[in-house]
Amino acid sequence: MATENGRSAPGRRPRAAAGSGETIYNRIAMLRAERNVSRRQLAEALGVHYQTVGYLERGEYSPSLHLALRIARYFEVPVEVVFSTEPFPRIGQ
């Protein structure tokens, strides 16, 4: 379970928001690759553990609204460019 600052509690795997049942899709990995930013660099900029970035990218953890907005601000894009409740179309389709 994640703490308020987005860090995982010791020994626990993050998961989607409790009770929501909805998957939050994201483009974090793609945005990082485009900008040549490592998970660790992004995590340091956001003030979260680098593993949290991995959990987010794999959809194992849904970010708080605050964290989602900070991620979008970091990449200088609207939050809808990073996160969606619908799967993003594959590139080239």
PDB file of N, CA and C in Angstrom:
ATOM      1  N   MET A   1       0.842  -1.173   0.000  1.00  0.00           N
ATOM      2  CA  MET A   1       0.000   0.000   0.000  1.00  0.00           C
ATOM      3  C   MET A   1       0.885   1.231   0.000  1.00  0.00           C
ATOM      4  N   ALA A   2       0.507   2.244  -0.714  1.00  0.00           N
ATOM      5  CA  ALA A   2       1.320   3.443  -0.823  1.00  0.00           C
ATOM      6  C   ALA A   2       0.973   4.408   0.292  1.00  0.00           C
ATOM      7  N   THR A   3       1.970   5.134   0.718  1.00  0.00           N
ATOM      8  CA  THR A   3       1.768   6.156   1.724  1.00  0.00           C
ATOM      9  C   THR A   3       1.382   7.454   1.048  1.00  0.00           C
ATOM     10  N   GLU A   4       1.109   8.475   1.824  1.00  0.00           N
ATOM     11  CA  GLU A   4       0.667   9.773   1.293  1.00  0.00           C
ATOM     12  C   GLU A   4       1.637  10.342   0.274  1.00  0.00           C
ATOM     13  N   ASN A   5       2.942  10.120   0.475  1.00  0.00           N
ATOM     14  CA  ASN A   5       3.924  10.691  -0.443  1.00  0.00           C
ATOM     15  C   ASN A   5       4.180   9.811  -1.653  1.00  0.00           C
ATOM     16  N   GLY A   6       3.367   8.731  -1.822  1.00  0.00           N
ATOM     17  CA  GLY A   6       3.514   7.878  -2.988  1.00  0.00           C
ATOM     18  C   GLY A   6       4.502   6.746  -2.799  1.00  0.00           C
ATOM     19  N   ARG A   7       5.100   6.662  -1.622  1.00  0.00           N
ATOM     20  CA  ARG A   7       6.055   5.587  -1.354  1.00  0.00           C
ATOM     21  C   ARG A   7       5.309   4.352  -0.874  1.00  0.00           C
ATOM     22  N   SER A   8       5.857   3.209  -1.155  1.00  0.00           N
ATOM     23  CA  SER A   8       5.237   1.958  -0.735  1.00  0.00           C
ATOM     24  C   SER A   8       5.629   1.647   0.696  1.00  0.00           C
ATOM     25  N   ALA A   9       4.680   1.095   1.430  1.00  0.00           N
ATOM     26  CA  ALA A   9       4.987   0.626   2.777  1.00  0.00           C
ATOM     27  C   ALA A   9       5.928  -0.568   2.657  1.00  0.00           C
ATOM     28  N   PRO A  10       6.852  -0.745   3.600  1.00  0.00           N
ATOM     29  CA  PRO A  10       7.802  -1.852   3.515  1.00  0.00           C
ATOM     30  C   PRO A  10       7.085  -3.197   3.410  1.00  0.00           C
ATOM     31  N   GLY A  11       7.558  -4.032   2.470  1.00  0.00           N
ATOM     32  CA  GLY A  11       7.041  -5.375   2.330  1.00  0.00           C
ATOM     33  C   GLY A  11       5.691  -5.483   1.642  1.00  0.00           C
ATOM     34  N   ARG A  12       5.170  -4.410   1.131  1.00  0.00           N
ATOM     35  CA  ARG A  12       3.861  -4.457   0.475  1.00  0.00           C
ATOM     36  C   ARG A  12       3.990  -4.026  -0.976  1.00  0.00           C
ATOM     37  N   ARG A  13       3.233  -4.699  -1.837  1.00  0.00           N
ATOM     38  CA  ARG A  13       3.194  -4.336  -3.250  1.00  0.00           C
ATOM     39  C   ARG A  13       2.062  -3.354  -3.467  1.00  0.00           C
ATOM     40  N   PRO A  14       2.295  -2.267  -4.178  1.00  0.00           N
ATOM     41  CA  PRO A  14       1.211  -1.337  -4.474  1.00  0.00           C
ATOM     42  C   PRO A  14       0.167  -1.972  -5.376  1.00  0.00           C
ATOM     43  N   ARG A  15      -1.021  -1.473  -5.326  1.00  0.00           N
ATOM     44  CA  ARG A  15      -2.087  -1.957  -6.206  1.00  0.00           C
ATOM     45  C   ARG A  15      -3.000  -0.802  -6.554  1.00  0.00           C
ATOM     46  N   ALA A  16      -3.930  -1.070  -7.460  1.00  0.00           N
ATOM     47  CA  ALA A  16      -4.866  -0.036  -7.881  1.00  0.00           C
ATOM     48  C   ALA A  16      -5.653   0.452  -6.678  1.00  0.00           C
ATOM     49  N   ALA A  17      -6.206   1.645  -6.806  1.00  0.00           N
ATOM     50  CA  ALA A  17      -6.971   2.239  -5.727  1.00  0.00           C
ATOM     51  C   ALA A  17      -8.024   1.274  -5.216  1.00  0.00           C
ATOM     52  N   ALA A  18      -8.084   1.120  -3.910  1.00  0.00           N
ATOM     53  CA  ALA A  18      -8.995   0.161  -3.290  1.00  0.00           C
ATOM     54  C   ALA A  18     -10.435   0.470  -3.651  1.00  0.00           C
ATOM     55  N   GLY A  19     -11.153  -0.563  -4.062  1.00  0.00           N
ATOM     56  CA  GLY A  19     -12.573  -0.436  -4.330  1.00  0.00           C
ATOM     57  C   GLY A  19     -12.916   0.201  -5.660  1.00  0.00           C
ATOM     58  N   SER A  20     -11.942   0.742  -6.366  1.00  0.00           N
ATOM     59  CA  SER A  20     -12.268   1.434  -7.615  1.00  0.00           C
ATOM     60  C   SER A  20     -12.550   0.444  -8.738  1.00  0.00           C
ATOM     61  N   GLY A  21     -11.782  -0.637  -8.799  1.00  0.00           N
ATOM     62  CA  GLY A  21     -11.975  -1.633  -9.836  1.00  0.00           C
ATOM     63  C   GLY A  21     -11.635  -1.144 -11.224  1.00  0.00           C
ATOM     64  N   GLU A  22     -11.240   0.107 -11.365  1.00  0.00           N
ATOM     65  CA  GLU A  22     -10.895   0.662 -12.671  1.00  0.00           C
ATOM     66  C   GLU A  22      -9.395   0.712 -12.850  1.00  0.00           C
ATOM     67  N   THR A  23      -8.974   0.383 -14.055  1.00  0.00           N
ATOM     68  CA  THR A  23      -7.566   0.491 -14.394  1.00  0.00           C
ATOM     69  C   THR A  23      -7.284   1.895 -14.890  1.00  0.00           C
ATOM     70  N   ILE A  24      -6.166   2.443 -14.439  1.00  0.00           N
ATOM     71  CA  ILE A  24      -5.704   3.734 -14.939  1.00  0.00           C
ATOM     72  C   ILE A  24      -4.526   3.450 -15.861  1.00  0.00           C
ATOM     73  N   TYR A  25      -4.685   3.785 -17.130  1.00  0.00           N
ATOM     74  CA  TYR A  25      -3.630   3.587 -18.121  1.00  0.00           C
ATOM     75  C   TYR A  25      -2.738   4.819 -18.133  1.00  0.00           C
ATOM     76  N   ASN A  26      -1.464   4.620 -18.488  1.00  0.00           N
ATOM     77  CA  ASN A  26      -0.563   5.772 -18.509  1.00  0.00           C
ATOM     78  C   ASN A  26       0.490   5.632 -19.588  1.00  0.00           C
ATOM     79  N   ARG A  27       1.103   6.757 -19.877  1.00  0.00           N
ATOM     80  CA  ARG A  27       2.176   6.837 -20.874  1.00  0.00           C
ATOM     81  C   ARG A  27       3.491   7.269 -20.232  1.00  0.00           C
ATOM     82  N   ILE A  28       3.664   6.969 -18.974  1.00  0.00           N
ATOM     83  CA  ILE A  28       4.870   7.426 -18.274  1.00  0.00           C
ATOM     84  C   ILE A  28       6.130   6.873 -18.931  1.00  0.00           C
ATOM     85  N   ALA A  29       6.151   5.581 -19.217  1.00  0.00           N
ATOM     86  CA  ALA A  29       7.347   4.975 -19.818  1.00  0.00           C
ATOM     87  C   ALA A  29       7.674   5.614 -21.164  1.00  0.00           C
ATOM     88  N   MET A  30       6.653   5.855 -21.967  1.00  0.00           N
ATOM     89  CA  MET A  30       6.875   6.467 -23.281  1.00  0.00           C
ATOM     90  C   MET A  30       7.430   7.892 -23.122  1.00  0.00           C
ATOM     91  N   LEU A  31       6.849   8.665 -22.209  1.00  0.00           N
ATOM     92  CA  LEU A  31       7.313  10.038 -21.989  1.00  0.00           C
ATOM     93  C   LEU A  31       8.744  10.050 -21.456  1.00  0.00           C
ATOM     94  N   ARG A  32       9.056   9.113 -20.572  1.00  0.00           N
ATOM     95  CA  ARG A  32      10.427   9.024 -20.054  1.00  0.00           C
ATOM     96  C   ARG A  32      11.396   8.707 -21.179  1.00  0.00           C
ATOM     97  N   ALA A  33      11.028   7.741 -22.034  1.00  0.00           N
ATOM     98  CA  ALA A  33      11.907   7.331 -23.132  1.00  0.00           C
ATOM     99  C   ALA A  33      12.136   8.486 -24.112  1.00  0.00           C
ATOM    100  N   GLU A  34      11.062   9.194 -24.442  1.00  0.00           N
ATOM    101  CA  GLU A  34      11.176  10.333 -25.364  1.00  0.00           C
ATOM    102  C   GLU A  34      12.133  11.395 -24.845  1.00  0.00           C
ATOM    103  N   ARG A  35      12.147  11.559 -23.528  1.00  0.00           N
ATOM    104  CA  ARG A  35      12.951  12.621 -22.915  1.00  0.00           C
ATOM    105  C   ARG A  35      14.242  12.113 -22.294  1.00  0.00           C
ATOM    106  N   ASN A  36      14.504  10.810 -22.487  1.00  0.00           N
ATOM    107  CA  ASN A  36      15.724  10.199 -21.966  1.00  0.00           C
ATOM    108  C   ASN A  36      15.874  10.417 -20.456  1.00  0.00           C
ATOM    109  N   VAL A  37      14.790  10.130 -19.723  1.00  0.00           N
ATOM    110  CA  VAL A  37      14.757  10.282 -18.268  1.00  0.00           C
ATOM    111  C   VAL A  37      14.650   8.893 -17.649  1.00  0.00           C
ATOM    112  N   SER A  38      15.500   8.583 -16.691  1.00  0.00           N
ATOM    113  CA  SER A  38      15.443   7.281 -16.023  1.00  0.00           C
ATOM    114  C   SER A  38      14.332   7.278 -14.975  1.00  0.00           C
ATOM    115  N   ARG A  39      13.958   6.079 -14.546  1.00  0.00           N
ATOM    116  CA  ARG A  39      12.977   5.980 -13.462  1.00  0.00           C
ATOM    117  C   ARG A  39      13.481   6.693 -12.219  1.00  0.00           C
ATOM    118  N   ARG A  40      14.750   6.522 -11.939  1.00  0.00           N
ATOM    119  CA  ARG A  40      15.333   7.144 -10.745  1.00  0.00           C
ATOM    120  C   ARG A  40      15.296   8.673 -10.853  1.00  0.00           C
ATOM    121  N   GLN A  41      15.617   9.213 -12.020  1.00  0.00           N
ATOM    122  CA  GLN A  41      15.579  10.675 -12.200  1.00  0.00           C
ATOM    123  C   GLN A  41      14.165  11.207 -12.002  1.00  0.00           C
ATOM    124  N   LEU A  42      13.182  10.532 -12.588  1.00  0.00           N
ATOM    125  CA  LEU A  42      11.797  10.963 -12.437  1.00  0.00           C
ATOM    126  C   LEU A  42      11.376  10.868 -10.978  1.00  0.00           C
ATOM    127  N   ALA A  43      11.708   9.768 -10.326  1.00  0.00           N
ATOM    128  CA  ALA A  43      11.343   9.583  -8.923  1.00  0.00           C
ATOM    129  C   ALA A  43      11.935  10.685  -8.050  1.00  0.00           C
ATOM    130  N   GLU A  44      13.203  11.010  -8.273  1.00  0.00           N
ATOM    131  CA  GLU A  44      13.839  12.067  -7.480  1.00  0.00           C
ATOM    132  C   GLU A  44      13.151  13.403  -7.701  1.00  0.00           C
ATOM    133  N   ALA A  45      12.780  13.696  -8.932  1.00  0.00           N
ATOM    134  CA  ALA A  45      12.101  14.961  -9.233  1.00  0.00           C
ATOM    135  C   ALA A  45      10.722  15.031  -8.572  1.00  0.00           C
ATOM    136  N   LEU A  46      10.069  13.874  -8.441  1.00  0.00           N
ATOM    137  CA  LEU A  46       8.726  13.824  -7.866  1.00  0.00           C
ATOM    138  C   LEU A  46       8.736  13.619  -6.360  1.00  0.00           C
ATOM    139  N   GLY A  47       9.878  13.206  -5.823  1.00  0.00           N
ATOM    140  CA  GLY A  47       9.967  12.940  -4.392  1.00  0.00           C
ATOM    141  C   GLY A  47       9.343  11.620  -3.991  1.00  0.00           C
ATOM    142  N   VAL A  48       9.419  10.615  -4.890  1.00  0.00           N
ATOM    143  CA  VAL A  48       8.907   9.281  -4.586  1.00  0.00           C
ATOM    144  C   VAL A  48      10.037   8.281  -4.780  1.00  0.00           C
ATOM    145  N   HIS A  49       9.826   7.061  -4.328  1.00  0.00           N
ATOM    146  CA  HIS A  49      10.812   5.999  -4.514  1.00  0.00           C
ATOM    147  C   HIS A  49      10.817   5.585  -5.980  1.00  0.00           C
ATOM    148  N   TYR A  50      11.976   5.223  -6.512  1.00  0.00           N
ATOM    149  CA  TYR A  50      12.053   4.860  -7.934  1.00  0.00           C
ATOM    150  C   TYR A  50      11.178   3.656  -8.263  1.00  0.00           C
ATOM    151  N   GLN A  51      10.962   2.752  -7.297  1.00  0.00           N
ATOM    152  CA  GLN A  51      10.106   1.596  -7.565  1.00  0.00           C
ATOM    153  C   GLN A  51       8.656   2.021  -7.777  1.00  0.00           C
ATOM    154  N   THR A  52       8.258   3.124  -7.160  1.00  0.00           N
ATOM    155  CA  THR A  52       6.899   3.632  -7.354  1.00  0.00           C
ATOM    156  C   THR A  52       6.667   3.974  -8.816  1.00  0.00           C
ATOM    157  N   VAL A  53       7.676   4.533  -9.468  1.00  0.00           N
ATOM    158  CA  VAL A  53       7.560   4.856 -10.893  1.00  0.00           C
ATOM    159  C   VAL A  53       7.331   3.573 -11.687  1.00  0.00           C
ATOM    160  N   GLY A  54       8.050   2.517 -11.360  1.00  0.00           N
ATOM    161  CA  GLY A  54       7.858   1.229 -12.029  1.00  0.00           C
ATOM    162  C   GLY A  54       6.462   0.682 -11.805  1.00  0.00           C
ATOM    163  N   TYR A  55       5.973   0.754 -10.562  1.00  0.00           N
ATOM    164  CA  TYR A  55       4.615   0.286 -10.264  1.00  0.00           C
ATOM    165  C   TYR A  55       3.583   1.074 -11.063  1.00  0.00           C
ATOM    166  N   LEU A  56       3.787   2.373 -11.169  1.00  0.00           N
ATOM    167  CA  LEU A  56       2.873   3.216 -11.947  1.00  0.00           C
ATOM    168  C   LEU A  56       2.896   2.803 -13.412  1.00  0.00           C
ATOM    169  N   GLU A  57       4.085   2.666 -13.974  1.00  0.00           N
ATOM    170  CA  GLU A  57       4.215   2.324 -15.393  1.00  0.00           C
ATOM    171  C   GLU A  57       3.551   0.991 -15.721  1.00  0.00           C
ATOM    172  N   ARG A  58       3.646   0.039 -14.834  1.00  0.00           N
ATOM    173  CA  ARG A  58       3.069  -1.291 -15.068  1.00  0.00           C
ATOM    174  C   ARG A  58       1.585  -1.364 -14.698  1.00  0.00           C
ATOM    175  N   GLY A  59       1.035  -0.292 -14.189  1.00  0.00           N
ATOM    176  CA  GLY A  59      -0.370  -0.284 -13.809  1.00  0.00           C
ATOM    177  C   GLY A  59      -0.651  -1.028 -12.517  1.00  0.00           C
ATOM    178  N   GLU A  60       0.374  -1.261 -11.719  1.00  0.00           N
ATOM    179  CA  GLU A  60       0.211  -1.959 -10.448  1.00  0.00           C
ATOM    180  C   GLU A  60      -0.207  -1.007  -9.331  1.00  0.00           C
ATOM    181  N   TYR A  61      -0.158   0.279  -9.610  1.00  0.00           N
ATOM    182  CA  TYR A  61      -0.480   1.290  -8.619  1.00  0.00           C
ATOM    183  C   TYR A  61      -1.092   2.481  -9.350  1.00  0.00           C
ATOM    184  N   SER A  62      -2.216   2.960  -8.849  1.00  0.00           N
ATOM    185  CA  SER A  62      -2.844   4.157  -9.419  1.00  0.00           C
ATOM    186  C   SER A  62      -2.427   5.356  -8.582  1.00  0.00           C
ATOM    187  N   PRO A  63      -1.969   6.410  -9.226  1.00  0.00           N
ATOM    188  CA  PRO A  63      -1.473   7.560  -8.462  1.00  0.00           C
ATOM    189  C   PRO A  63      -2.606   8.358  -7.838  1.00  0.00           C
ATOM    190  N   SER A  64      -2.275   9.062  -6.780  1.00  0.00           N
ATOM    191  CA  SER A  64      -3.208  10.040  -6.232  1.00  0.00           C
ATOM    192  C   SER A  64      -3.357  11.152  -7.267  1.00  0.00           C
ATOM    193  N   LEU A  65      -4.384  11.932  -7.133  1.00  0.00           N
ATOM    194  CA  LEU A  65      -4.570  13.078  -8.038  1.00  0.00           C
ATOM    195  C   LEU A  65      -3.375  14.009  -7.945  1.00  0.00           C
ATOM    196  N   HIS A  66      -2.893  14.228  -6.742  1.00  0.00           N
ATOM    197  CA  HIS A  66      -1.754  15.121  -6.540  1.00  0.00           C
ATOM    198  C   HIS A  66      -0.520  14.615  -7.294  1.00  0.00           C
ATOM    199  N   LEU A  67      -0.229  13.317  -7.172  1.00  0.00           N
ATOM    200  CA  LEU A  67       0.925  12.750  -7.866  1.00  0.00           C
ATOM    201  C   LEU A  67       0.724  12.775  -9.378  1.00  0.00           C
ATOM    202  N   ALA A  68      -0.475  12.472  -9.847  1.00  0.00           N
ATOM    203  CA  ALA A  68      -0.759  12.505 -11.286  1.00  0.00           C
ATOM    204  C   ALA A  68      -0.515  13.904 -11.852  1.00  0.00           C
ATOM    205  N   LEU A  69      -0.954  14.914 -11.138  1.00  0.00           N
ATOM    206  CA  LEU A  69      -0.756  16.297 -11.599  1.00  0.00           C
ATOM    207  C   LEU A  69       0.722  16.679 -11.577  1.00  0.00           C
ATOM    208  N   ARG A  70       1.465  16.206 -10.581  1.00  0.00           N
ATOM    209  CA  ARG A  70       2.900  16.493 -10.522  1.00  0.00           C
ATOM    210  C   ARG A  70       3.632  15.819 -11.676  1.00  0.00           C
ATOM    211  N   ILE A  71       3.228  14.605 -12.026  1.00  0.00           N
ATOM    212  CA  ILE A  71       3.851  13.900 -13.156  1.00  0.00           C
ATOM    213  C   ILE A  71       3.589  14.664 -14.453  1.00  0.00           C
ATOM    214  N   ALA A  72       2.344  15.079 -14.658  1.00  0.00           N
ATOM    215  CA  ALA A  72       2.004  15.844 -15.869  1.00  0.00           C
ATOM    216  C   ALA A  72       2.791  17.152 -15.920  1.00  0.00           C
ATOM    217  N   ARG A  73       2.901  17.819 -14.786  1.00  0.00           N
ATOM    218  CA  ARG A  73       3.658  19.082 -14.746  1.00  0.00           C
ATOM    219  C   ARG A  73       5.124  18.830 -15.063  1.00  0.00           C
ATOM    220  N   TYR A  74       5.689  17.734 -14.548  1.00  0.00           N
ATOM    221  CA  TYR A  74       7.088  17.406 -14.820  1.00  0.00           C
ATOM    222  C   TYR A  74       7.321  17.285 -16.325  1.00  0.00           C
ATOM    223  N   PHE A  75       6.406  16.599 -17.011  1.00  0.00           N
ATOM    224  CA  PHE A  75       6.553  16.403 -18.457  1.00  0.00           C
ATOM    225  C   PHE A  75       6.001  17.574 -19.270  1.00  0.00           C
ATOM    226  N   GLU A  76       5.434  18.569 -18.594  1.00  0.00           N
ATOM    227  CA  GLU A  76       4.892  19.774 -19.239  1.00  0.00           C
ATOM    228  C   GLU A  76       3.821  19.441 -20.267  1.00  0.00           C
ATOM    229  N   VAL A  77       2.893  18.548 -19.854  1.00  0.00           N
ATOM    230  CA  VAL A  77       1.768  18.160 -20.699  1.00  0.00           C
ATOM    231  C   VAL A  77       0.506  18.126 -19.838  1.00  0.00           C
ATOM    232  N   PRO A  78      -0.675  18.199 -20.462  1.00  0.00           N
ATOM    233  CA  PRO A  78      -1.919  18.036 -19.693  1.00  0.00           C
ATOM    234  C   PRO A  78      -1.993  16.631 -19.102  1.00  0.00           C
ATOM    235  N   VAL A  79      -2.636  16.505 -17.974  1.00  0.00           N
ATOM    236  CA  VAL A  79      -2.730  15.214 -17.288  1.00  0.00           C
ATOM    237  C   VAL A  79      -3.354  14.148 -18.192  1.00  0.00           C
ATOM    238  N   GLU A  80      -4.243  14.546 -19.096  1.00  0.00           N
ATOM    239  CA  GLU A  80      -4.886  13.588 -20.006  1.00  0.00           C
ATOM    240  C   GLU A  80      -3.912  12.987 -21.006  1.00  0.00           C
ATOM    241  N   VAL A  81      -2.778  13.621 -21.224  1.00  0.00           N
ATOM    242  CA  VAL A  81      -1.757  13.072 -22.113  1.00  0.00           C
ATOM    243  C   VAL A  81      -1.040  11.913 -21.424  1.00  0.00           C
ATOM    244  N   VAL A  82      -0.967  11.960 -20.086  1.00  0.00           N
ATOM    245  CA  VAL A  82      -0.254  10.943 -19.320  1.00  0.00           C
ATOM    246  C   VAL A  82      -1.172   9.819 -18.854  1.00  0.00           C
ATOM    247  N   PHE A  83      -2.385  10.160 -18.416  1.00  0.00           N
ATOM    248  CA  PHE A  83      -3.284   9.184 -17.798  1.00  0.00           C
ATOM    249  C   PHE A  83      -4.627   9.128 -18.500  1.00  0.00           C
ATOM    250  N   SER A  84      -5.233   7.922 -18.481  1.00  0.00           N
ATOM    251  CA  SER A  84      -6.542   7.725 -19.086  1.00  0.00           C
ATOM    252  C   SER A  84      -7.236   6.537 -18.439  1.00  0.00           C
ATOM    253  N   THR A  85      -8.561   6.551 -18.465  1.00  0.00           N
ATOM    254  CA  THR A  85      -9.323   5.388 -18.009  1.00  0.00           C
ATOM    255  C   THR A  85      -9.546   4.411 -19.158  1.00  0.00           C
ATOM    256  N   GLU A  86      -9.207   4.816 -20.372  1.00  0.00           N
ATOM    257  CA  GLU A  86      -9.298   3.966 -21.565  1.00  0.00           C
ATOM    258  C   GLU A  86      -7.881   3.664 -22.047  1.00  0.00           C
ATOM    259  N   PRO A  87      -7.650   2.481 -22.608  1.00  0.00           N
ATOM    260  CA  PRO A  87      -6.313   2.192 -23.139  1.00  0.00           C
ATOM    261  C   PRO A  87      -5.942   3.197 -24.236  1.00  0.00           C
ATOM    262  N   PHE A  88      -4.682   3.586 -24.249  1.00  0.00           N
ATOM    263  CA  PHE A  88      -4.197   4.482 -25.288  1.00  0.00           C
ATOM    264  C   PHE A  88      -4.059   3.686 -26.586  1.00  0.00           C
ATOM    265  N   PRO A  89      -4.338   4.315 -27.732  1.00  0.00           N
ATOM    266  CA  PRO A  89      -4.140   3.608 -29.008  1.00  0.00           C
ATOM    267  C   PRO A  89      -2.646   3.323 -29.205  1.00  0.00           C
ATOM    268  N   ARG A  90      -2.365   2.225 -29.851  1.00  0.00           N
ATOM    269  CA  ARG A  90      -0.969   1.887 -30.131  1.00  0.00           C
ATOM    270  C   ARG A  90      -0.409   2.893 -31.128  1.00  0.00           C
ATOM    271  N   ILE A  91       0.848   3.195 -30.980  1.00  0.00           N
ATOM    272  CA  ILE A  91       1.504   4.138 -31.881  1.00  0.00           C
ATOM    273  C   ILE A  91       1.496   3.562 -33.289  1.00  0.00           C
ATOM    274  N   GLY A  92       1.128   4.384 -34.275  1.00  0.00           N
ATOM    275  CA  GLY A  92       1.096   3.955 -35.663  1.00  0.00           C
ATOM    276  C   GLY A  92      -0.248   3.415 -36.099  1.00  0.00           C
ATOM    277  N   GLN A  93      -1.242   3.480 -35.210  1.00  0.00           N
ATOM    278  CA  GLN A  93      -2.572   2.999 -35.583  1.00  0.00           C
ATOM    279  C   GLN A  93      -3.522   4.157 -35.708  1.00  0.00           C
TER     280      GLN A  93
END
